[in-house]
C-alpha atoms as a PDB file:
ATOM      1  CA  MET A   1       0.476   0.165   0.276  1.00  0.00           C
ATOM      2  CA  ALA A   2       3.285   2.368   0.450  1.00  0.00           C
ATOM      3  CA  ALA A   3       3.802   2.410  -2.880  1.00  0.00           C
ATOM      4  CA  GLN A   4       0.236   3.221  -3.514  1.00  0.00           C
ATOM      5  CA  GLU A   5       0.052   6.326  -1.381  1.00  0.00           C
ATOM      6  CA  LYS A   6       3.607   7.553  -3.189  1.00  0.00           C
ATOM      7  CA  ALA A   7       1.837   7.328  -6.412  1.00  0.00           C
ATOM      8  CA  ALA A   8      -0.924   9.432  -5.103  1.00  0.00           C
ATOM      9  CA  ASP A   9       1.034  12.253  -4.755  1.00  0.00           C
ATOM     10  CA  GLN A  10       2.299  11.775  -8.666  1.00  0.00           C
ATOM     11  CA  ARG A  11       0.990  14.489 -10.641  1.00  0.00           C
ATOM     12  CA  VAL A  12      -1.580  13.369 -13.430  1.00  0.00           C
ATOM     13  CA  SER A  13      -2.019  15.200 -17.138  1.00  0.00           C
ATOM     14  CA  GLN A  14      -5.654  14.172 -18.734  1.00  0.00           C
ATOM     15  CA  PHE A  15      -5.302  16.373 -21.236  1.00  0.00           C
ATOM     16  CA  ASP A  16      -4.234  15.676 -24.776  1.00  0.00           C
ATOM     17  CA  TYR A  17      -1.559  18.137 -25.335  1.00  0.00           C
ATOM     18  CA  ALA A  18      -1.201  16.927 -29.150  1.00  0.00           C
ATOM     19  CA  LEU A  19      -4.742  18.490 -30.090  1.00  0.00           C
ATOM     20  CA  LEU A  20      -4.307  21.682 -28.170  1.00  0.00           C
ATOM     21  CA  PRO A  21      -1.871  23.414 -31.157  1.00  0.00           C
ATOM     22  CA  GLU A  22      -5.299  22.745 -33.596  1.00  0.00           C
ATOM     23  CA  LEU A  23      -7.743  24.216 -30.672  1.00  0.00           C
ATOM     24  CA  SER A  24      -5.595  26.970 -30.113  1.00  0.00           C
ATOM     25  CA  GLY A  25      -6.022  27.956 -33.871  1.00  0.00           C
ATOM     26  CA  LEU A  26     -10.049  26.928 -33.762  1.00  0.00           C
ATOM     27  CA  LEU A  27     -10.580  28.868 -30.721  1.00  0.00           C
ATOM     28  CA  GLY A  28      -8.187  31.978 -30.853  1.00  0.00           C
ATOM     29  CA  ILE A  29      -6.576  31.378 -27.439  1.00  0.00           C
ATOM     30  CA  ASP A  30      -3.571  30.183 -26.043  1.00  0.00           C
ATOM     31  CA  MET A  31      -4.534  26.496 -24.886  1.00  0.00           C
ATOM     32  CA  LEU A  32      -1.623  25.423 -23.435  1.00  0.00           C
ATOM     33  CA  GLN A  33      -1.529  27.653 -20.533  1.00  0.00           C
ATOM     34  CA  TYR A  34      -5.250  27.739 -20.501  1.00  0.00           C
ATOM     35  CA  VAL A  35      -4.930  23.893 -19.581  1.00  0.00           C
ATOM     36  CA  LYS A  36      -1.681  24.353 -17.800  1.00  0.00           C
ATOM     37  CA  LYS A  37      -3.817  26.304 -15.925  1.00  0.00           C
ATOM     38  CA  ILE A  38      -6.819  24.080 -15.175  1.00  0.00           C
ATOM     39  CA  GLU A  39      -4.344  21.540 -14.022  1.00  0.00           C
ATOM     40  CA  GLU A  40      -2.255  23.227 -11.818  1.00  0.00           C
ATOM     41  CA  GLU A  41      -5.783  24.028  -9.472  1.00  0.00           C
ATOM     42  CA  GLN A  42      -6.556  20.642 -10.165  1.00  0.00           C
ATOM     43  CA  GLN A  43      -3.434  19.352  -8.333  1.00  0.00           C
ATOM     44  CA  LYS A  44      -3.937  21.667  -5.688  1.00  0.00           C
ATOM     45  CA  GLU A  45      -7.227  20.056  -5.090  1.00  0.00           C
ATOM     46  CA  ARG A  46      -5.665  16.538  -5.349  1.00  0.00           C
ATOM     47  CA  GLU A  47      -3.306  17.798  -2.585  1.00  0.00           C
ATOM     48  CA  LYS A  48      -6.023  18.712  -0.340  1.00  0.00           C
ATOM     49  CA  MET A  49      -7.448  15.463  -0.584  1.00  0.00           C
ATOM     50  CA  GLN A  50      -7.397  12.783   1.622  1.00  0.00           C
ATOM     51  CA  LYS A  51      -4.892  10.042   0.316  1.00  0.00           C
ATOM     52  CA  GLY A  52      -4.347   6.270   1.405  1.00  0.00           C
ATOM     53  CA  PHE A  53      -6.517   3.057   0.916  1.00  0.00           C
ATOM     54  CA  ASN A  54     -10.251   3.747   1.870  1.00  0.00           C
ATOM     55  CA  SER A  55     -12.102   0.999   3.417  1.00  0.00           C
ATOM     56  CA  GLN A  56     -15.145   2.703   3.775  1.00  0.00           C
ATOM     57  CA  MET A  57     -15.617   2.631  -0.355  1.00  0.00           C
ATOM     58  CA  ARG A  58     -14.870  -1.126  -0.328  1.00  0.00           C
ATOM     59  CA  SER A  59     -18.569  -1.799  -1.423  1.00  0.00           C
ATOM     60  CA  GLU A  60     -19.484  -1.037  -4.827  1.00  0.00           C
ATOM     61  CA  ALA A  61     -22.880  -0.377  -4.045  1.00  0.00           C
ATOM     62  CA  ARG A  62     -21.515   2.613  -1.342  1.00  0.00           C
ATOM     63  CA  ARG A  63     -19.622   4.027  -3.987  1.00  0.00           C
ATOM     64  CA  LEU A  64     -22.354   4.020  -6.687  1.00  0.00           C
ATOM     65  CA  LYS A  65     -24.452   5.995  -3.408  1.00  0.00           C
ATOM     66  CA  THR A  66     -21.849   8.898  -3.656  1.00  0.00           C
ATOM     67  CA  PHE A  67     -22.873   9.888  -7.356  1.00  0.00           C
ATOM     68  CA  VAL A  68     -26.470  11.058  -6.676  1.00  0.00           C
ATOM     69  CA  THR A  69     -25.139  14.754  -6.031  1.00  0.00           C
ATOM     70  CA  TYR A  70     -22.658  13.948  -8.822  1.00  0.00           C
ATOM     71  CA  GLU A  71     -24.005  17.067 -11.369  1.00  0.00           C
ATOM     72  CA  ALA A  72     -20.767  17.303 -13.463  1.00  0.00           C
ATOM     73  CA  TYR A  73     -21.163  16.671 -17.287  1.00  0.00           C
ATOM     74  CA  SER A  74     -19.503  13.002 -17.647  1.00  0.00           C
ATOM     75  CA  ALA A  75     -19.253  10.860 -20.636  1.00  0.00           C
ATOM     76  CA  TRP A  76     -19.091   8.417 -18.214  1.00  0.00           C
ATOM     77  CA  THR A  77     -22.058   7.053 -16.162  1.00  0.00           C
ATOM     78  CA  PRO A  78     -21.803   6.280 -12.553  1.00  0.00           C
ATOM     79  CA  GLN A  79     -22.020   2.410 -12.835  1.00  0.00           C
ATOM     80  CA  GLU A  80     -18.881   2.594 -14.977  1.00  0.00           C
ATOM     81  CA  MET A  81     -17.142   4.775 -12.698  1.00  0.00           C
ATOM     82  CA  ALA A  82     -18.074   2.955  -9.302  1.00  0.00           C
ATOM     83  CA  ALA A  83     -17.322  -0.836 -11.035  1.00  0.00           C
ATOM     84  CA  ALA A  84     -13.664   0.970 -11.670  1.00  0.00           C
ATOM     85  CA  GLY A  85     -13.085   1.150  -7.537  1.00  0.00           C
ATOM     86  CA  PHE A  86     -13.992   5.307  -8.168  1.00  0.00           C
ATOM     87  CA  TYR A  87     -16.458   7.144  -5.442  1.00  0.00           C
ATOM     88  CA  PHE A  88     -17.415  10.849  -6.248  1.00  0.00           C
ATOM     89  CA  THR A  89     -15.231  12.990  -3.571  1.00  0.00           C
ATOM     90  CA  GLY A  90     -17.686  15.447  -3.751  1.00  0.00           C
ATOM     91  CA  ILE A  91     -15.244  18.098  -4.388  1.00  0.00           C
ATOM     92  CA  LYS A  92     -15.799  20.383  -7.883  1.00  0.00           C
ATOM     93  CA  SER A  93     -15.739  17.125 -10.688  1.00  0.00           C
ATOM     94  CA  GLY A  94     -13.564  14.509  -8.793  1.00  0.00           C
ATOM     95  CA  VAL A  95     -13.683  10.863  -8.557  1.00  0.00           C
ATOM     96  CA  GLN A  96     -11.368   9.150  -6.404  1.00  0.00           C
ATOM     97  CA  CYS A  97     -10.293   5.214  -6.383  1.00  0.00           C
ATOM     98  CA  PHE A  98     -11.032   3.738  -3.129  1.00  0.00           C
ATOM     99  CA  CYS A  99      -7.703   1.492  -3.571  1.00  0.00           C
ATOM    100  CA  CYS A 100      -4.571   3.336  -5.133  1.00  0.00           C
ATOM    101  CA  SER A 101      -5.982   7.341  -4.125  1.00  0.00           C
ATOM    102  CA  LEU A 102      -6.134   8.354  -8.136  1.00  0.00           C
ATOM    103  CA  ILE A 103      -7.875  10.742  -8.499  1.00  0.00           C
ATOM    104  CA  LEU A 104      -9.996  12.140 -11.586  1.00  0.00           C
ATOM    105  CA  PHE A 105     -11.422  15.514 -12.303  1.00  0.00           C
ATOM    106  CA  GLY A 106     -11.918  14.643 -16.111  1.00  0.00           C
ATOM    107  CA  THR A 107     -13.793  11.946 -18.523  1.00  0.00           C
ATOM    108  CA  SER A 108     -12.972  10.762 -21.713  1.00  0.00           C
ATOM    109  CA  LEU A 109     -14.710   9.819 -24.748  1.00  0.00           C
ATOM    110  CA  GLN A 110     -12.600   7.462 -26.197  1.00  0.00           C
ATOM    111  CA  ARG A 111     -12.314   5.539 -23.158  1.00  0.00           C
ATOM    112  CA  LEU A 112     -13.945   3.909 -20.081  1.00  0.00           C
ATOM    113  CA  PRO A 113     -13.244   4.680 -16.637  1.00  0.00           C
ATOM    114  CA  MET A 114     -10.971   1.264 -15.806  1.00  0.00           C
ATOM    115  CA  GLU A 115      -8.912   2.075 -18.849  1.00  0.00           C
ATOM    116  CA  ASP A 116      -8.074   5.843 -18.040  1.00  0.00           C
ATOM    117  CA  HIS A 117      -7.677   4.025 -13.761  1.00  0.00           C
ATOM    118  CA  LYS A 118      -4.918   1.217 -16.039  1.00  0.00           C
ATOM    119  CA  LYS A 119      -3.237   4.452 -17.542  1.00  0.00           C
ATOM    120  CA  PHE A 120      -2.252   5.920 -14.761  1.00  0.00           C
ATOM    121  CA  ARG A 121      -2.260   3.769 -11.785  1.00  0.00           C
ATOM    122  CA  PRO A 122      -1.089   0.265 -13.751  1.00  0.00           C
ATOM    123  CA  ASP A 123      -0.073  -1.002 -10.002  1.00  0.00           C
ATOM    124  CA  CYS A 124      -3.238  -0.169  -8.632  1.00  0.00           C
ATOM    125  CA  GLU A 125      -4.252  -3.591  -6.424  1.00  0.00           C
ATOM    126  CA  PHE A 126      -7.280  -3.356  -7.184  1.00  0.00           C
ATOM    127  CA  LEU A 127      -7.220  -3.405 -10.945  1.00  0.00           C
ATOM    128  CA  LEU A 128      -4.433  -5.998 -10.563  1.00  0.00           C
ATOM    129  CA  GLY A 129      -7.352  -8.355  -8.939  1.00  0.00           C
ATOM    130  CA  LYS A 130      -5.774  -8.500  -5.392  1.00  0.00           C
ATOM    131  CA  ASP A 131      -7.818  -9.201  -2.123  1.00  0.00           C
ATOM    132  CA  VAL A 132      -8.298  -5.501  -1.109  1.00  0.00           C
ATOM    133  CA  GLY A 133     -11.917  -6.194   0.181  1.00  0.00           C
ATOM    134  CA  ASN A 134     -13.685  -4.758  -2.623  1.00  0.00           C
ATOM    135  CA  ILE A 135     -17.373  -5.813  -2.613  1.00  0.00           C
ATOM    136  CA  ALA A 136     -18.546  -5.905  -6.136  1.00  0.00           C
ATOM    137  CA  LYS A 137     -22.240  -4.756  -6.651  1.00  0.00           C
ATOM    138  CA  TYR A 138     -23.890  -8.067  -6.534  1.00  0.00           C
ATOM    139  CA  ASP A 139     -21.778  -9.631  -3.602  1.00  0.00           C
ATOM    140  CA  ILE A 140     -23.420 -10.363  -0.305  1.00  0.00           C
ATOM    141  CA  ARG A 141     -21.087 -11.480   2.416  1.00  0.00           C
ATOM    142  CA  VAL A 142     -21.947 -13.741   5.198  1.00  0.00           C
ATOM    143  CA  LYS A 143     -21.116 -13.195   8.489  1.00  0.00           C
ATOM    144  CA  ASN A 144     -21.350 -14.844  11.915  1.00  0.00           C
ATOM    145  CA  PRO A 145     -24.771 -13.923  12.766  1.00  0.00           C
ATOM    146  CA  GLU A 146     -23.850 -13.653  16.503  1.00  0.00           C
ATOM    147  CA  ASN A 147     -23.010 -10.133  17.064  1.00  0.00           C
ATOM    148  CA  LYS A 148     -25.637  -9.428  15.072  1.00  0.00           C
ATOM    149  CA  LEU A 149     -28.772 -11.374  16.239  1.00  0.00           C
ATOM    150  CA  ARG A 150     -29.889 -11.506  19.309  1.00  0.00           C
ATOM    151  CA  ARG A 151     -31.396 -14.689  21.164  1.00  0.00           C
ATOM    152  CA  ASN A 152     -35.088 -13.562  20.371  1.00  0.00           C
ATOM    153  CA  ASP A 153     -34.254 -12.683  17.138  1.00  0.00           C
ATOM    154  CA  LYS A 154     -33.060 -16.041  16.296  1.00  0.00           C
ATOM    155  CA  ALA A 155     -36.470 -17.403  18.407  1.00  0.00           C
ATOM    156  CA  ARG A 156     -38.537 -15.019  15.927  1.00  0.00           C
ATOM    157  CA  TYR A 157     -36.368 -15.758  12.789  1.00  0.00           C
ATOM    158  CA  GLN A 158     -37.423 -19.242  12.944  1.00  0.00           C
ATOM    159  CA  GLU A 159     -40.669 -18.835  11.104  1.00  0.00           C
ATOM    160  CA  GLU A 160     -39.799 -18.298   6.846  1.00  0.00           C
ATOM    161  CA  LYS A 161     -42.501 -15.542   7.367  1.00  0.00           C
ATOM    162  CA  ALA A 162     -40.955 -13.684   9.772  1.00  0.00           C
ATOM    163  CA  ARG A 163     -37.913 -14.217   7.295  1.00  0.00           C
ATOM    164  CA  LEU A 164     -39.308 -12.990   4.580  1.00  0.00           C
ATOM    165  CA  LYS A 165     -40.321 -10.075   6.357  1.00  0.00           C
ATOM    166  CA  SER A 166     -36.514  -9.224   7.141  1.00  0.00           C
ATOM    167  CA  TYR A 167     -36.272  -8.040   3.172  1.00  0.00           C
ATOM    168  CA  LYS A 168     -38.284  -5.013   3.174  1.00  0.00           C
ATOM    169  CA  LYS A 169     -34.749  -2.909   2.256  1.00  0.00           C
ATOM    170  CA  TRP A 170     -33.410  -5.626   0.113  1.00  0.00           C
ATOM    171  CA  PRO A 171     -31.479  -3.469  -2.431  1.00  0.00           C
ATOM    172  CA  PHE A 172     -32.517  -2.969  -5.752  1.00  0.00           C
ATOM    173  CA  TYR A 173     -29.671  -3.910  -7.614  1.00  0.00           C
ATOM    174  CA  ALA A 174     -29.563  -7.422  -5.979  1.00  0.00           C
ATOM    175  CA  GLN A 175     -33.050  -8.573  -7.954  1.00  0.00           C
ATOM    176  CA  GLY A 176     -31.090 -11.530  -9.586  1.00  0.00           C
ATOM    177  CA  THR A 177     -31.989 -13.186  -6.356  1.00  0.00           C
ATOM    178  CA  ALA A 178     -34.911 -13.787  -4.572  1.00  0.00           C
ATOM    179  CA  PRO A 179     -35.719 -13.064  -1.193  1.00  0.00           C
ATOM    180  CA  ARG A 180     -38.528 -15.605  -0.955  1.00  0.00           C
ATOM    181  CA  GLU A 181     -35.522 -18.001  -2.008  1.00  0.00           C
ATOM    182  CA  LEU A 182     -32.860 -16.842   0.961  1.00  0.00           C
ATOM    183  CA  SER A 183     -35.702 -16.794   3.700  1.00  0.00           C
ATOM    184  CA  ALA A 184     -36.354 -20.274   2.477  1.00  0.00           C
ATOM    185  CA  ALA A 185     -32.793 -21.184   2.994  1.00  0.00           C
ATOM    186  CA  GLY A 186     -32.816 -19.871   6.134  1.00  0.00           C
ATOM    187  CA  PHE A 187     -31.500 -16.766   5.749  1.00  0.00           C
ATOM    188  CA  VAL A 188     -32.328 -13.306   7.558  1.00  0.00           C
ATOM    189  CA  PHE A 189     -31.425  -9.668   6.082  1.00  0.00           C
ATOM    190  CA  THR A 190     -30.314  -7.621   8.258  1.00  0.00           C
ATOM    191  CA  ALA A 191     -30.001  -4.331   5.655  1.00  0.00           C
ATOM    192  CA  GLU A 192     -26.453  -3.257   7.478  1.00  0.00           C
ATOM    193  CA  ALA A 193     -24.109  -3.073   5.311  1.00  0.00           C
ATOM    194  CA  GLU A 194     -26.303  -5.294   2.574  1.00  0.00           C
ATOM    195  CA  GLU A 195     -25.445  -8.606   4.688  1.00  0.00           C
ATOM    196  CA  ILE A 196     -27.418 -11.370   5.253  1.00  0.00           C
ATOM    197  CA  HIS A 197     -27.206 -14.095   8.195  1.00  0.00           C
ATOM    198  CA  LEU A 198     -28.090 -17.763   8.267  1.00  0.00           C
ATOM    199  CA  ASP A 199     -29.434 -18.367  11.761  1.00  0.00           C
ATOM    200  CA  GLY A 200     -27.748 -20.818  13.032  1.00  0.00           C
ATOM    201  CA  VAL A 201     -24.764 -21.651  11.015  1.00  0.00           C
ATOM    202  CA  THR A 202     -21.275 -19.225  11.356  1.00  0.00           C
ATOM    203  CA  GLN A 203     -19.970 -18.478   8.140  1.00  0.00           C
ATOM    204  CA  VAL A 204     -17.385 -15.856   8.096  1.00  0.00           C
ATOM    205  CA  GLY A 205     -15.658 -14.536   4.859  1.00  0.00           C
ATOM    206  CA  PRO A 206     -16.854 -16.222   1.534  1.00  0.00           C
ATOM    207  CA  LYS A 207     -19.135 -13.996  -0.668  1.00  0.00           C
ATOM    208  CA  LYS A 208     -22.411 -15.671  -2.241  1.00  0.00           C
ATOM    209  CA  LYS A 209     -22.405 -14.430  -5.989  1.00  0.00           C
ATOM    210  CA  ILE A 210     -26.227 -13.228  -6.922  1.00  0.00           C
END
């Protein structure tokens, strides 16, 4: 992670400098100076932002929710950015990777966010597929229910009908698996960090793909 924190301090240029002379002629302004000014402002904003691994944004679903207030014009969709590891910082149009801290302020019409991510941070452990704790949008983690379900709750959830009622806040993006199937299998939805618990069974770590 130390290498990634060091990489986060490196300058990032998202402009295609080869096109600037032609744009200068078309617009009648010095685009090179204009772009340099913008990049300098963006770099100052990057330096203000928190660096390092952001464990609170490991969940793709949580990253996606940050784009609710994202009003900037973008060639990328919130879904594409969240899947690429980015969340909205709330500062201008800045998006940041939860793992390597890469901050981008612009989007490309030619490339997807995942491609720009690889371009600027090819060593990002999230991109390399390492276990950095990322929770994909359609993953559900099954954890030890002992700390979540009290004794009275366990007795209440013995009935399948009661378990089914726990799915009232079942996330819209998880429609691939029916709550009825999960409740029939003994699962209870806690609505906390998109976790489900199997009463009487201790399972820590593994994910269930839906």
